Each structure stands twice: as structure tokens, then as C-alpha cells.
Amino acid sequence: MDTAPGNGSVNLARAGKALFNLVIPFIVLGIYIFILYVSLPEAVYISLLGLMFIYFIPPAGKESVIPIGISLGMPWWIIGTSVAMMDIISTLFMILNFDLALKIPVLGDRWMKSFMEHGGEFFSKHRWIERFSSFGLAVFVMIPMQGTGGVATPIVGKMIGIPGKNVFLAVVAGSLSGCYIIALGSEYIKDLFLIDIRYGIAAVAVTAVVILTVYYAWTRKKKRLRERAL
């Protein structure tokens, strides 16, 4: 009986912490959106919010959303930072509310649980992530492919035992780096189109060849890993 008041205080503190963990990602996102609102022209602001939202809809990703933003005239650092912020906010939410996220319809009870249940298959294809730990996570989130953003990366980090703080820092570094590389590349190609359309077409062709070559090499490497695992 004497411990009841103490238990009540503990429960209240836990509830307060849970509420803080739930709302802090949205507060950070709200602050960022407000900064965009007061610093950008209305048309650019609305377009940017639309692209930030589209980023979460498959099969959209960094490699498609950022070039669209550049083609609309957005500065490379604004569209790059904004897309990276969506990864960062998602990661913050996942780290602080992982158990809650598991209960979210579709995201948690289907996708996240399925991802975790098939963890062995995933890591047989991505052993380098475990080998390089936090650095591997940063490289993982840099890759412009579906499923390497702010939701999947914290799950991978949790599965291999990386502390939440390190996962967050890896996503910040990896997402910003990846988004800025894509944004700068898109800006450069856009400038080539303005100089001479032939230069722009050539740059797009070279980029496509490089991407296809890397993708081909990557799929062959994954195939060899699967064969070794068997």
C-alpha cells in the first residue's frame, strides 16, 4: 500500500516519456516545414511539400523525387535536405517508438514483422552491413533504392544490435550524403541541357549506363552470395 504513490509517479513518468517520444518527431518536422514556409516562395513551398509526401509512396525514391525537384527549379541543397529530412524524421520516430510502430496497421503488423521474420535472408544478401556496423548502415541508406530509407534502416540496425543513437547518426550522414550527391548530379545534368541539349542527352545516357552497370554487378554479386549460402 505504501508503494502505490511511488508506482503512480513512475507510471506517470513513463506515460510522459512515451508521449514525448511520440510527438518529438512531429515537432521537429513541423519546425522544418515552418522554416521552409517563411523562407521559400509559395509556389516552391507547395511543390516541395508535395515531393516530400510523394517520397513515401512506392516506388518513388531519392533517385526520382530529387531530379523532379531540380527540374522544377528548386536549389539542389533545398530539395536534397528536404528529402533527407524525411529519412531522418522517420528514423527518429522508429527509434523512439519502435514497439508502437509494430502495432501500426500495414506498416507494423505486415511490413515490419515480415521484414524481421525474413532477416536471415536479408543478411545473407547484405553481409557487408554487419561487417561495417554503423558505417555499413550509412552506406545502406545512401543507396538510392526502395527500402533503404528511414523506416527500414532502424529495423536493420536493431536486428544487428546497433544502438539507436548510432543508427540515427548513420541515417543523418548517409541520407544527407546520398541526397546531396543525387541533387548535385541532377543540377549538373540540368545545366548541360541549358548549355546544349546534346550535352544533356549524352549526360543522361552515360548516367543510365553507369546505373545499369552497377545494378547488373550488384545483382550478380547477390546471386553469388545466395549460391554460397546454399
Protein backbone atom coordinates (compact mmCIF):
# COMPACT_ATOMS: atom_id res chain seq x y z
CA MET A 1 0.00 0.00 0.00
CA ASP A 2 2.83 2.40 0.84
CA THR A 3 4.41 1.93 -2.58
CA ALA A 4 1.26 2.85 -4.52
CA PRO A 5 2.04 6.59 -4.73
CA GLY A 6 5.54 5.80 -5.93
CA ASN A 7 4.20 3.43 -8.55
CA GLY A 8 1.79 6.11 -9.68
CA SER A 9 4.65 8.56 -10.13
CA VAL A 10 6.65 6.00 -12.08
CA ASN A 11 3.70 5.23 -14.33
CA LEU A 12 3.10 8.95 -14.88
CA ALA A 13 6.76 9.46 -15.77
CA ARG A 14 6.63 6.55 -18.23
CA ALA A 15 3.48 7.92 -19.82
CA GLY A 16 5.10 11.35 -20.11
CA LYS A 17 8.20 9.86 -21.73
CA ALA A 18 6.09 7.81 -24.14
CA LEU A 19 4.12 10.91 -25.12
CA PHE A 20 7.33 12.90 -25.60
CA ASN A 21 8.82 10.16 -27.79
CA LEU A 22 5.65 10.11 -29.87
CA VAL A 23 5.37 13.84 -30.50
CA ILE A 24 9.01 14.95 -30.78
CA PRO A 25 9.49 13.70 -34.39
CA PHE A 26 6.38 15.60 -35.47
CA ILE A 27 7.56 18.73 -33.65
CA VAL A 28 10.92 18.57 -35.46
CA LEU A 29 9.14 18.05 -38.78
CA GLY A 30 6.77 20.93 -38.03
CA ILE A 31 9.68 23.26 -37.25
CA TYR A 32 11.39 22.31 -40.51
CA ILE A 33 8.21 22.84 -42.53
CA PHE A 34 7.72 26.23 -40.85
CA ILE A 35 11.27 27.23 -41.80
CA LEU A 36 10.51 26.28 -45.41
CA TYR A 37 7.25 28.26 -45.27
CA VAL A 38 8.89 31.50 -44.16
CA SER A 39 11.92 31.20 -46.43
CA LEU A 40 10.53 29.97 -49.78
CA PRO A 41 8.14 31.44 -52.36
CA GLU A 42 4.65 29.97 -52.03
CA ALA A 43 4.78 28.02 -55.31
CA VAL A 44 8.14 26.43 -54.45
CA TYR A 45 6.96 25.67 -50.90
CA ILE A 46 3.82 23.87 -52.08
CA SER A 47 5.71 21.88 -54.72
CA LEU A 48 8.37 20.91 -52.21
CA LEU A 49 5.81 19.67 -49.68
CA GLY A 50 4.23 17.59 -52.43
CA LEU A 51 7.55 15.97 -53.30
CA MET A 52 8.30 15.29 -49.63
CA PHE A 53 4.97 13.48 -49.36
CA ILE A 54 5.44 11.58 -52.64
CA TYR A 55 8.80 10.31 -51.37
CA PHE A 56 6.90 7.97 -49.03
CA ILE A 57 4.79 6.46 -51.81
CA PRO A 58 6.38 3.44 -53.56
CA PRO A 59 8.08 3.22 -55.96
CA ALA A 60 9.20 6.84 -55.51
CA GLY A 61 12.67 7.33 -54.05
CA LYS A 62 15.61 9.71 -53.88
CA GLU A 63 16.56 8.88 -57.45
CA SER A 64 13.19 10.10 -58.78
CA VAL A 65 11.96 12.77 -56.35
CA ILE A 66 15.18 14.81 -56.26
CA PRO A 67 15.61 15.13 -60.07
CA ILE A 68 11.96 16.21 -60.30
CA GLY A 69 12.63 18.94 -57.74
CA ILE A 70 15.72 20.08 -59.64
CA SER A 71 13.74 20.17 -62.91
CA LEU A 72 11.18 22.41 -61.19
CA GLY A 73 13.90 24.92 -60.37
CA MET A 74 14.49 24.10 -56.71
CA PRO A 75 18.03 24.69 -55.40
CA TRP A 76 19.91 21.41 -55.05
CA TRP A 77 20.56 21.87 -51.35
CA ILE A 78 16.90 22.55 -50.53
CA ILE A 79 15.45 19.50 -52.28
CA GLY A 80 18.38 17.36 -51.07
CA THR A 81 17.98 18.44 -47.45
CA SER A 82 14.19 18.11 -47.55
CA VAL A 83 14.25 14.53 -48.84
CA ALA A 84 16.97 13.61 -46.33
CA MET A 85 14.87 15.16 -43.55
CA MET A 86 12.07 12.68 -44.32
CA ASP A 87 14.53 9.82 -43.74
CA ILE A 88 15.84 11.49 -40.58
CA ILE A 89 12.38 12.15 -39.12
CA SER A 90 11.24 8.60 -39.96
CA THR A 91 14.31 7.17 -38.27
CA LEU A 92 13.79 9.32 -35.18
CA PHE A 93 10.19 8.11 -34.93
CA MET A 94 11.20 4.47 -35.38
CA ILE A 95 13.98 4.61 -32.80
CA LEU A 96 11.82 6.31 -30.17
CA ASN A 97 8.61 4.37 -30.90
CA PHE A 98 9.67 1.00 -32.29
CA ASP A 99 7.18 -1.07 -30.27
CA LEU A 100 4.37 1.34 -31.17
CA ALA A 101 5.32 1.24 -34.85
CA LEU A 102 4.90 -2.55 -34.80
CA LYS A 103 1.22 -2.02 -34.00
CA ILE A 104 0.56 0.40 -36.87
CA PRO A 105 -1.67 -1.28 -39.49
CA VAL A 106 0.15 -2.36 -42.67
CA LEU A 107 3.46 -0.72 -41.65
CA GLY A 108 3.94 -2.66 -38.44
CA ASP A 109 1.75 -5.74 -38.44
CA ARG A 110 2.64 -6.63 -42.01
CA TRP A 111 5.72 -4.96 -43.46
CA MET A 112 7.91 -4.59 -40.35
CA LYS A 113 7.12 -8.03 -38.94
CA SER A 114 7.64 -9.63 -42.34
CA PHE A 115 10.95 -7.79 -42.72
CA MET A 116 12.12 -9.03 -39.32
CA GLU A 117 10.92 -12.60 -39.91
CA HIS A 118 12.96 -12.77 -43.11
CA GLY A 119 16.03 -11.20 -41.53
CA GLY A 120 18.22 -14.21 -42.22
CA GLU A 121 17.55 -13.99 -45.94
CA PHE A 122 18.16 -10.25 -45.90
CA PHE A 123 21.53 -10.50 -44.17
CA SER A 124 22.65 -13.34 -46.44
CA LYS A 125 22.40 -10.76 -49.23
CA HIS A 126 23.84 -7.82 -47.27
CA ARG A 127 26.59 -9.29 -45.06
CA TRP A 128 28.69 -6.16 -45.52
CA ILE A 129 26.26 -4.20 -43.31
CA GLU A 130 27.02 -6.39 -40.30
CA ARG A 131 30.75 -6.31 -41.06
CA PHE A 132 30.94 -2.50 -41.16
CA SER A 133 28.34 -1.85 -38.45
CA SER A 134 27.33 1.85 -38.28
CA PHE A 135 29.35 2.72 -41.38
CA GLY A 136 27.59 -0.08 -43.23
CA LEU A 137 24.22 1.39 -42.23
CA ALA A 138 25.29 4.81 -43.52
CA VAL A 139 26.23 3.29 -46.87
CA PHE A 140 22.99 1.29 -46.89
CA VAL A 141 20.83 4.40 -46.51
CA MET A 142 22.86 6.20 -49.20
CA ILE A 143 21.83 3.63 -51.82
CA PRO A 144 19.03 5.12 -53.96
CA MET A 145 16.80 2.04 -53.83
CA GLN A 146 13.36 1.38 -52.37
CA GLY A 147 13.60 0.03 -48.81
CA THR A 148 16.84 1.74 -47.80
CA GLY A 149 15.33 4.81 -46.13
CA GLY A 150 14.39 5.96 -42.66
CA VAL A 151 11.98 3.11 -41.89
CA ALA A 152 13.97 0.05 -42.96
CA THR A 153 17.35 1.25 -41.69
CA PRO A 154 16.36 1.41 -37.98
CA ILE A 155 14.95 -2.13 -38.28
CA VAL A 156 18.24 -3.35 -39.74
CA GLY A 157 20.16 -1.54 -37.01
CA LYS A 158 18.01 -3.10 -34.28
CA MET A 159 18.41 -6.58 -35.75
CA ILE A 160 22.21 -6.38 -35.65
CA GLY A 161 22.33 -4.72 -32.24
CA ILE A 162 23.49 -1.20 -33.15
CA PRO A 163 22.48 1.41 -30.51
CA GLY A 164 19.70 3.79 -31.54
CA LYS A 165 21.99 6.83 -31.32
CA ASN A 166 24.44 5.27 -33.76
CA VAL A 167 21.62 4.29 -36.11
CA PHE A 168 20.34 7.87 -36.08
CA LEU A 169 23.79 9.31 -36.83
CA ALA A 170 24.28 6.77 -39.62
CA VAL A 171 21.00 7.80 -41.24
CA VAL A 172 21.82 11.51 -40.93
CA ALA A 173 25.23 11.02 -42.55
CA GLY A 174 24.12 8.50 -45.17
CA SER A 175 20.88 10.18 -46.23
CA LEU A 176 22.36 13.68 -46.47
CA SER A 177 25.35 12.37 -48.45
CA GLY A 178 23.22 10.31 -50.82
CA CYS A 179 20.65 13.06 -51.37
CA TYR A 180 23.29 15.73 -51.99
CA ILE A 181 25.15 13.53 -54.49
CA ILE A 182 21.94 12.91 -56.45
CA ALA A 183 20.93 16.58 -56.22
CA LEU A 184 24.30 17.88 -57.40
CA GLY A 185 24.37 15.35 -60.22
CA SER A 186 20.86 16.35 -61.31
CA GLU A 187 21.80 20.02 -61.15
CA TYR A 188 24.86 19.39 -63.32
CA ILE A 189 22.81 17.49 -65.94
CA LYS A 190 20.21 20.27 -65.95
CA ASP A 191 22.95 22.84 -66.60
CA LEU A 192 24.23 20.74 -69.51
CA PHE A 193 20.76 20.74 -71.06
CA LEU A 194 20.69 24.53 -70.79
CA ILE A 195 24.09 24.81 -72.47
CA ASP A 196 23.34 22.35 -75.26
CA ILE A 197 20.60 19.74 -75.36
CA ARG A 198 23.06 17.27 -76.90
CA TYR A 199 25.29 17.54 -73.84
CA GLY A 200 22.33 16.90 -71.59
CA ILE A 201 21.21 13.84 -73.55
CA ALA A 202 24.76 12.49 -73.52
CA ALA A 203 24.99 13.00 -69.75
CA VAL A 204 21.68 11.20 -69.21
CA ALA A 205 22.85 8.33 -71.41
CA VAL A 206 26.16 7.99 -69.55
CA THR A 207 24.34 8.11 -66.20
CA ALA A 208 21.91 5.42 -67.34
CA VAL A 209 24.76 3.19 -68.49
CA VAL A 210 26.58 3.61 -65.17
CA ILE A 211 23.42 2.86 -63.18
CA LEU A 212 22.62 -0.22 -65.25
CA THR A 213 26.21 -1.44 -64.96
CA VAL A 214 26.22 -1.03 -61.19
CA TYR A 215 22.82 -2.69 -60.92
CA TYR A 216 23.96 -5.62 -63.06
CA ALA A 217 27.13 -6.06 -60.99
CA TRP A 218 25.11 -5.81 -57.79
CA THR A 219 22.56 -8.45 -58.85
CA ARG A 220 25.36 -10.81 -59.90
CA LYS A 221 27.05 -10.35 -56.53
CA LYS A 222 23.80 -11.12 -54.72
CA LYS A 223 23.34 -14.23 -56.85
CA ARG A 224 26.82 -15.46 -55.92
CA LEU A 225 26.11 -14.83 -52.23
CA ARG A 226 22.91 -16.85 -52.44
CA GLU A 227 24.74 -19.70 -54.19
CA ARG A 228 27.41 -19.72 -51.46
CA ALA A 229 24.74 -19.74 -48.77
CA LEU A 230 23.23 -22.85 -50.34
